[in-house]
Amino acid sequence: MRSPDDSGQVTVFLVGIMAALLLLAGLVVDGGDVLAGRRVAIDNAEAAARAGAQAISISSYRSSGKVVLDASAAEAAAESFLRTLGEQGSVAVSGDTVTVTVHLRQRLAILSVVGVPALTVTGTGTAVPVLGPGGAP
C-alpha cells in the first residue's frame, strides 16, 4: 500500500534528471561549437594578418634590400581581407608586425533554450613579412 505523501516524487525526480541531462548536452554540443568558432576566428585573424604582412615597401626593399612594411597599406590589406570574409575585427601594425583580432558571434543550439542564445568568441593572429626562397620578398 502506497502512502499518500509519496505521490509525484518520481515525476519531480525525472524532471530534475532530464533538466540536468539537457544542460549537460548543451555544454557538450554548444561547447564544441564555441571551440570550433574560436578556431575559425583564429584562422581568419591569422589569414588577414598574413595578407597585411605582404604589403611591403617596394621602394625601401629596392634601395636598402631590407623588408619593411608599408604600415598604411598593411592595415588596409588586412582590413580588406576581413571585409571579404564578412568578419568584424581590428588591425594593428607595429613596426614589422601585423596583428589582427577577430570577434565572432557563435550561436548556441541547445543552451539558447535556457536563455543563452550566443557567445562572442575572439581570435588573434600575428604575421611578419619574411623573405622567400632565394631572398625574394
N, C-alpha and C. Protein backbone atom coordinates (compact mmCIF):
# COMPACT_ATOMS: atom_id res chain seq x y z
N MET A 1 0.82 -1.16 0.00
CA MET A 1 0.00 0.00 0.00
C MET A 1 0.88 1.25 0.00
N ARG A 2 0.51 2.22 -0.81
CA ARG A 2 1.30 3.42 -1.00
C ARG A 2 0.82 4.52 -0.05
N SER A 3 1.81 5.25 0.45
CA SER A 3 1.49 6.36 1.33
C SER A 3 1.05 7.56 0.48
N PRO A 4 0.08 8.32 0.89
CA PRO A 4 -0.37 9.49 0.13
C PRO A 4 0.72 10.56 -0.04
N ASP A 5 1.73 10.53 0.83
CA ASP A 5 2.80 11.53 0.77
C ASP A 5 3.77 11.28 -0.38
N ASP A 6 3.80 10.04 -0.94
CA ASP A 6 4.78 9.67 -1.96
C ASP A 6 4.33 9.99 -3.39
N SER A 7 3.14 10.41 -3.59
CA SER A 7 2.65 10.60 -4.95
C SER A 7 3.36 11.76 -5.63
N GLY A 8 3.86 11.51 -6.85
CA GLY A 8 4.50 12.54 -7.66
C GLY A 8 5.99 12.72 -7.43
N GLN A 9 6.59 11.97 -6.50
CA GLN A 9 8.02 12.14 -6.24
C GLN A 9 8.87 11.66 -7.41
N VAL A 10 8.48 10.60 -8.07
CA VAL A 10 9.23 10.10 -9.22
C VAL A 10 9.19 11.11 -10.37
N THR A 11 8.04 11.74 -10.56
CA THR A 11 7.91 12.73 -11.62
C THR A 11 8.86 13.91 -11.38
N VAL A 12 8.95 14.41 -10.18
CA VAL A 12 9.84 15.51 -9.86
C VAL A 12 11.29 15.08 -10.06
N PHE A 13 11.62 13.86 -9.66
CA PHE A 13 12.97 13.34 -9.83
C PHE A 13 13.32 13.25 -11.32
N LEU A 14 12.43 12.72 -12.13
CA LEU A 14 12.68 12.59 -13.56
C LEU A 14 12.81 13.95 -14.25
N VAL A 15 12.00 14.90 -13.85
CA VAL A 15 12.11 16.24 -14.42
C VAL A 15 13.48 16.83 -14.08
N GLY A 16 13.93 16.65 -12.87
CA GLY A 16 15.25 17.15 -12.47
C GLY A 16 16.37 16.48 -13.24
N ILE A 17 16.28 15.16 -13.41
CA ILE A 17 17.30 14.43 -14.16
C ILE A 17 17.31 14.86 -15.62
N MET A 18 16.14 15.03 -16.21
CA MET A 18 16.06 15.44 -17.62
C MET A 18 16.64 16.86 -17.81
N ALA A 19 16.37 17.74 -16.87
CA ALA A 19 16.93 19.10 -16.96
C ALA A 19 18.45 19.06 -16.87
N ALA A 20 18.97 18.23 -15.97
CA ALA A 20 20.42 18.10 -15.84
C ALA A 20 21.04 17.50 -17.11
N LEU A 21 20.40 16.52 -17.70
CA LEU A 21 20.90 15.92 -18.94
C LEU A 21 20.86 16.90 -20.10
N LEU A 22 19.80 17.71 -20.16
CA LEU A 22 19.71 18.73 -21.21
C LEU A 22 20.82 19.77 -21.05
N LEU A 23 21.09 20.18 -19.82
CA LEU A 23 22.17 21.13 -19.56
C LEU A 23 23.52 20.53 -19.93
N LEU A 24 23.73 19.27 -19.59
CA LEU A 24 24.98 18.59 -19.93
C LEU A 24 25.15 18.47 -21.44
N ALA A 25 24.09 18.12 -22.14
CA ALA A 25 24.14 18.03 -23.60
C ALA A 25 24.44 19.41 -24.19
N GLY A 26 23.85 20.44 -23.63
CA GLY A 26 24.11 21.79 -24.10
C GLY A 26 25.56 22.19 -23.91
N LEU A 27 26.13 21.83 -22.77
CA LEU A 27 27.54 22.14 -22.54
C LEU A 27 28.44 21.39 -23.52
N VAL A 28 28.13 20.16 -23.81
CA VAL A 28 28.95 19.36 -24.72
C VAL A 28 28.81 19.85 -26.16
N VAL A 29 27.59 19.93 -26.66
CA VAL A 29 27.36 20.30 -28.05
C VAL A 29 27.73 21.77 -28.29
N ASP A 30 27.19 22.66 -27.49
CA ASP A 30 27.45 24.08 -27.69
C ASP A 30 28.89 24.44 -27.33
N GLY A 31 29.46 23.74 -26.35
CA GLY A 31 30.87 23.96 -26.03
C GLY A 31 31.76 23.59 -27.20
N GLY A 32 31.44 22.50 -27.89
CA GLY A 32 32.19 22.13 -29.09
C GLY A 32 32.03 23.16 -30.19
N ASP A 33 30.82 23.69 -30.34
CA ASP A 33 30.59 24.73 -31.35
C ASP A 33 31.37 26.00 -31.02
N VAL A 34 31.46 26.34 -29.75
CA VAL A 34 32.22 27.53 -29.35
C VAL A 34 33.70 27.34 -29.64
N LEU A 35 34.23 26.14 -29.35
CA LEU A 35 35.63 25.87 -29.65
C LEU A 35 35.89 25.92 -31.15
N ALA A 36 34.98 25.38 -31.94
CA ALA A 36 35.12 25.43 -33.39
C ALA A 36 35.04 26.87 -33.89
N GLY A 37 34.15 27.67 -33.33
CA GLY A 37 34.04 29.08 -33.70
C GLY A 37 35.30 29.86 -33.35
N ARG A 38 35.90 29.52 -32.22
CA ARG A 38 37.14 30.18 -31.82
C ARG A 38 38.26 29.83 -32.81
N ARG A 39 38.29 28.58 -33.25
CA ARG A 39 39.31 28.17 -34.23
C ARG A 39 39.11 28.92 -35.54
N VAL A 40 37.87 29.10 -35.96
CA VAL A 40 37.58 29.86 -37.18
C VAL A 40 38.05 31.32 -37.01
N ALA A 41 37.78 31.91 -35.85
CA ALA A 41 38.20 33.29 -35.59
C ALA A 41 39.72 33.41 -35.64
N ILE A 42 40.42 32.45 -35.07
CA ILE A 42 41.89 32.46 -35.09
C ILE A 42 42.39 32.29 -36.52
N ASP A 43 41.82 31.34 -37.25
CA ASP A 43 42.24 31.11 -38.64
C ASP A 43 42.04 32.37 -39.49
N ASN A 44 40.90 33.01 -39.35
CA ASN A 44 40.61 34.22 -40.13
C ASN A 44 41.53 35.37 -39.73
N ALA A 45 41.82 35.50 -38.44
CA ALA A 45 42.72 36.55 -37.98
C ALA A 45 44.13 36.32 -38.51
N GLU A 46 44.58 35.07 -38.48
CA GLU A 46 45.92 34.77 -38.99
C GLU A 46 46.00 35.02 -40.50
N ALA A 47 44.97 34.65 -41.23
CA ALA A 47 44.96 34.86 -42.68
C ALA A 47 44.97 36.35 -43.01
N ALA A 48 44.20 37.14 -42.27
CA ALA A 48 44.17 38.59 -42.50
C ALA A 48 45.53 39.22 -42.15
N ALA A 49 46.15 38.73 -41.08
CA ALA A 49 47.47 39.25 -40.71
C ALA A 49 48.50 38.92 -41.80
N ARG A 50 48.43 37.72 -42.36
CA ARG A 50 49.33 37.36 -43.45
C ARG A 50 49.10 38.24 -44.67
N ALA A 51 47.83 38.53 -44.95
CA ALA A 51 47.52 39.41 -46.08
C ALA A 51 48.12 40.80 -45.85
N GLY A 52 48.04 41.29 -44.64
CA GLY A 52 48.63 42.58 -44.31
C GLY A 52 50.14 42.57 -44.36
N ALA A 53 50.76 41.46 -43.94
CA ALA A 53 52.22 41.37 -43.91
C ALA A 53 52.83 41.31 -45.31
N GLN A 54 52.00 41.12 -46.31
CA GLN A 54 52.51 41.11 -47.69
C GLN A 54 52.68 42.52 -48.25
N ALA A 55 52.18 43.51 -47.54
CA ALA A 55 52.23 44.90 -48.03
C ALA A 55 53.56 45.54 -47.63
N ILE A 56 54.62 45.13 -48.31
CA ILE A 56 55.93 45.68 -48.00
C ILE A 56 56.19 46.93 -48.86
N SER A 57 57.12 47.71 -48.39
CA SER A 57 57.52 48.90 -49.14
C SER A 57 58.54 48.48 -50.20
N ILE A 58 58.11 48.45 -51.44
CA ILE A 58 58.98 48.01 -52.53
C ILE A 58 60.16 48.98 -52.69
N SER A 59 59.90 50.29 -52.55
CA SER A 59 60.99 51.27 -52.72
C SER A 59 62.07 51.07 -51.65
N SER A 60 61.67 50.78 -50.41
CA SER A 60 62.65 50.52 -49.35
C SER A 60 63.44 49.26 -49.64
N TYR A 61 62.76 48.25 -50.13
CA TYR A 61 63.45 46.99 -50.44
C TYR A 61 64.45 47.19 -51.57
N ARG A 62 64.06 47.93 -52.59
CA ARG A 62 64.96 48.15 -53.73
C ARG A 62 66.16 49.01 -53.35
N SER A 63 65.94 49.98 -52.46
CA SER A 63 67.05 50.86 -52.11
C SER A 63 67.98 50.27 -51.05
N SER A 64 67.42 49.52 -50.10
CA SER A 64 68.26 49.03 -48.99
C SER A 64 68.37 47.51 -48.92
N GLY A 65 67.49 46.82 -49.62
CA GLY A 65 67.49 45.35 -49.54
C GLY A 65 66.82 44.82 -48.29
N LYS A 66 66.23 45.71 -47.49
CA LYS A 66 65.56 45.30 -46.25
C LYS A 66 64.04 45.27 -46.48
N VAL A 67 63.41 44.28 -45.88
CA VAL A 67 61.96 44.16 -45.97
C VAL A 67 61.34 45.03 -44.88
N VAL A 68 60.60 46.04 -45.31
CA VAL A 68 59.95 46.97 -44.39
C VAL A 68 58.48 47.05 -44.77
N LEU A 69 57.62 46.97 -43.76
CA LEU A 69 56.18 47.07 -44.03
C LEU A 69 55.80 48.50 -44.37
N ASP A 70 54.88 48.63 -45.29
CA ASP A 70 54.19 49.90 -45.53
C ASP A 70 52.97 49.84 -44.61
N ALA A 71 53.06 50.54 -43.47
CA ALA A 71 52.06 50.38 -42.41
C ALA A 71 50.64 50.65 -42.88
N SER A 72 50.42 51.72 -43.61
CA SER A 72 49.06 52.04 -44.04
C SER A 72 48.55 51.01 -45.05
N ALA A 73 49.41 50.57 -45.96
CA ALA A 73 49.00 49.55 -46.94
C ALA A 73 48.75 48.21 -46.25
N ALA A 74 49.55 47.89 -45.23
CA ALA A 74 49.37 46.63 -44.50
C ALA A 74 48.03 46.63 -43.76
N GLU A 75 47.72 47.75 -43.11
CA GLU A 75 46.45 47.85 -42.40
C GLU A 75 45.27 47.76 -43.37
N ALA A 76 45.39 48.45 -44.50
CA ALA A 76 44.31 48.42 -45.49
C ALA A 76 44.13 47.02 -46.07
N ALA A 77 45.23 46.32 -46.32
CA ALA A 77 45.15 44.96 -46.89
C ALA A 77 44.48 44.00 -45.89
N ALA A 78 44.86 44.10 -44.62
CA ALA A 78 44.26 43.22 -43.61
C ALA A 78 42.78 43.52 -43.44
N GLU A 79 42.42 44.82 -43.40
CA GLU A 79 41.01 45.19 -43.25
C GLU A 79 40.20 44.76 -44.47
N SER A 80 40.78 44.88 -45.64
CA SER A 80 40.10 44.44 -46.86
C SER A 80 39.84 42.93 -46.82
N PHE A 81 40.82 42.19 -46.33
CA PHE A 81 40.67 40.74 -46.22
C PHE A 81 39.53 40.40 -45.25
N LEU A 82 39.46 41.11 -44.13
CA LEU A 82 38.38 40.87 -43.17
C LEU A 82 37.02 41.19 -43.78
N ARG A 83 36.94 42.29 -44.53
CA ARG A 83 35.67 42.65 -45.17
C ARG A 83 35.26 41.57 -46.17
N THR A 84 36.24 41.03 -46.91
CA THR A 84 35.94 39.96 -47.87
C THR A 84 35.33 38.76 -47.17
N LEU A 85 35.82 38.46 -45.97
CA LEU A 85 35.28 37.34 -45.19
C LEU A 85 33.97 37.69 -44.50
N GLY A 86 33.66 38.98 -44.42
CA GLY A 86 32.47 39.42 -43.70
C GLY A 86 32.65 39.39 -42.19
N GLU A 87 33.88 39.54 -41.75
CA GLU A 87 34.19 39.47 -40.31
C GLU A 87 34.37 40.85 -39.72
N GLN A 88 34.19 40.95 -38.40
CA GLN A 88 34.44 42.17 -37.65
C GLN A 88 35.75 41.97 -36.90
N GLY A 89 36.59 43.00 -36.90
CA GLY A 89 37.84 42.86 -36.17
C GLY A 89 38.62 44.14 -36.17
N SER A 90 39.80 44.07 -35.58
CA SER A 90 40.68 45.23 -35.51
C SER A 90 42.05 44.83 -36.03
N VAL A 91 42.73 45.82 -36.61
CA VAL A 91 44.06 45.61 -37.18
C VAL A 91 45.01 46.61 -36.56
N ALA A 92 46.18 46.12 -36.15
CA ALA A 92 47.22 46.99 -35.61
C ALA A 92 48.54 46.64 -36.28
N VAL A 93 49.25 47.68 -36.72
CA VAL A 93 50.57 47.49 -37.31
C VAL A 93 51.57 48.18 -36.42
N SER A 94 52.56 47.42 -35.97
CA SER A 94 53.60 47.96 -35.10
C SER A 94 54.94 47.47 -35.62
N GLY A 95 55.71 48.39 -36.16
CA GLY A 95 57.00 48.00 -36.73
C GLY A 95 56.78 47.11 -37.94
N ASP A 96 57.29 45.89 -37.86
CA ASP A 96 57.11 44.95 -38.97
C ASP A 96 56.09 43.86 -38.63
N THR A 97 55.27 44.10 -37.62
CA THR A 97 54.31 43.10 -37.17
C THR A 97 52.88 43.57 -37.42
N VAL A 98 52.09 42.69 -38.02
CA VAL A 98 50.66 42.96 -38.23
C VAL A 98 49.89 42.06 -37.28
N THR A 99 49.06 42.65 -36.46
CA THR A 99 48.24 41.88 -35.52
C THR A 99 46.77 42.14 -35.82
N VAL A 100 46.02 41.07 -35.98
CA VAL A 100 44.59 41.17 -36.28
C VAL A 100 43.81 40.41 -35.21
N THR A 101 42.76 41.03 -34.72
CA THR A 101 41.87 40.39 -33.76
C THR A 101 40.48 40.33 -34.39
N VAL A 102 39.90 39.15 -34.38
CA VAL A 102 38.57 38.92 -34.97
C VAL A 102 37.60 38.54 -33.88
N HIS A 103 36.39 39.11 -33.94
CA HIS A 103 35.32 38.79 -32.99
C HIS A 103 34.17 38.15 -33.76
N LEU A 104 33.79 36.94 -33.35
CA LEU A 104 32.66 36.24 -33.97
C LEU A 104 31.57 36.01 -32.94
N ARG A 105 30.36 36.06 -33.39
CA ARG A 105 29.21 35.72 -32.53
C ARG A 105 28.82 34.30 -32.84
N GLN A 106 29.03 33.39 -31.89
CA GLN A 106 28.74 31.97 -32.08
C GLN A 106 27.37 31.66 -31.49
N ARG A 107 26.45 31.25 -32.35
CA ARG A 107 25.10 30.89 -31.89
C ARG A 107 25.14 29.55 -31.19
N LEU A 108 24.30 29.41 -30.18
CA LEU A 108 24.22 28.18 -29.40
C LEU A 108 22.90 27.48 -29.70
N ALA A 109 22.99 26.20 -29.99
CA ALA A 109 21.81 25.44 -30.39
C ALA A 109 20.97 25.01 -29.19
N ILE A 110 21.61 24.45 -28.19
CA ILE A 110 20.86 23.86 -27.07
C ILE A 110 20.71 24.84 -25.91
N LEU A 111 21.78 25.53 -25.57
CA LEU A 111 21.71 26.45 -24.43
C LEU A 111 20.84 27.67 -24.71
N SER A 112 20.50 27.90 -25.98
CA SER A 112 19.58 29.01 -26.28
C SER A 112 18.20 28.75 -25.68
N VAL A 113 17.88 27.50 -25.43
CA VAL A 113 16.60 27.14 -24.82
C VAL A 113 16.51 27.68 -23.39
N VAL A 114 17.66 27.76 -22.71
CA VAL A 114 17.66 28.26 -21.33
C VAL A 114 18.10 29.71 -21.24
N GLY A 115 18.10 30.43 -22.38
CA GLY A 115 18.35 31.86 -22.35
C GLY A 115 19.75 32.32 -22.71
N VAL A 116 20.58 31.44 -23.25
CA VAL A 116 21.93 31.84 -23.70
C VAL A 116 21.97 31.64 -25.21
N PRO A 117 21.54 32.65 -25.99
CA PRO A 117 21.43 32.47 -27.44
C PRO A 117 22.75 32.43 -28.18
N ALA A 118 23.77 33.15 -27.68
CA ALA A 118 25.04 33.22 -28.40
C ALA A 118 26.15 33.69 -27.47
N LEU A 119 27.37 33.41 -27.89
CA LEU A 119 28.55 33.88 -27.19
C LEU A 119 29.47 34.55 -28.21
N THR A 120 30.27 35.50 -27.76
CA THR A 120 31.26 36.12 -28.63
C THR A 120 32.59 35.42 -28.41
N VAL A 121 33.18 34.94 -29.51
CA VAL A 121 34.49 34.31 -29.45
C VAL A 121 35.49 35.23 -30.15
N THR A 122 36.72 35.18 -29.70
CA THR A 122 37.76 36.07 -30.21
C THR A 122 38.96 35.25 -30.64
N GLY A 123 39.56 35.65 -31.75
CA GLY A 123 40.78 35.03 -32.22
C GLY A 123 41.76 36.10 -32.64
N THR A 124 43.03 35.87 -32.37
CA THR A 124 44.08 36.83 -32.72
C THR A 124 45.14 36.15 -33.56
N GLY A 125 45.62 36.86 -34.57
CA GLY A 125 46.69 36.36 -35.41
C GLY A 125 47.73 37.43 -35.64
N THR A 126 48.96 37.01 -35.76
CA THR A 126 50.08 37.92 -35.96
C THR A 126 50.94 37.41 -37.10
N ALA A 127 51.44 38.32 -37.91
CA ALA A 127 52.32 37.94 -39.01
C ALA A 127 53.37 39.00 -39.24
N VAL A 128 54.51 38.57 -39.75
CA VAL A 128 55.60 39.48 -40.13
C VAL A 128 56.01 39.12 -41.55
N PRO A 129 56.49 40.09 -42.31
CA PRO A 129 56.96 39.77 -43.66
C PRO A 129 58.27 38.99 -43.58
N VAL A 130 58.42 38.03 -44.44
CA VAL A 130 59.65 37.23 -44.49
C VAL A 130 60.13 37.12 -45.93
N LEU A 131 61.39 36.85 -46.08
CA LEU A 131 61.96 36.64 -47.40
C LEU A 131 61.68 35.21 -47.84
N GLY A 132 61.36 35.07 -49.10
CA GLY A 132 61.11 33.74 -49.65
C GLY A 132 62.38 33.07 -50.07
N PRO A 133 62.27 31.94 -50.79
CA PRO A 133 63.45 31.24 -51.27
C PRO A 133 64.30 32.14 -52.16
N GLY A 134 65.58 32.12 -51.98
CA GLY A 134 66.48 32.94 -52.78
C GLY A 134 66.48 34.39 -52.36
N GLY A 135 65.87 34.72 -51.24
CA GLY A 135 65.87 36.09 -50.74
C GLY A 135 64.84 37.00 -51.36
N ALA A 136 63.88 36.45 -52.10
CA ALA A 136 62.84 37.28 -52.72
C ALA A 136 61.77 37.61 -51.70
N PRO A 137 61.25 38.85 -51.72
CA PRO A 137 60.20 39.21 -50.76
C PRO A 137 58.87 38.58 -51.14
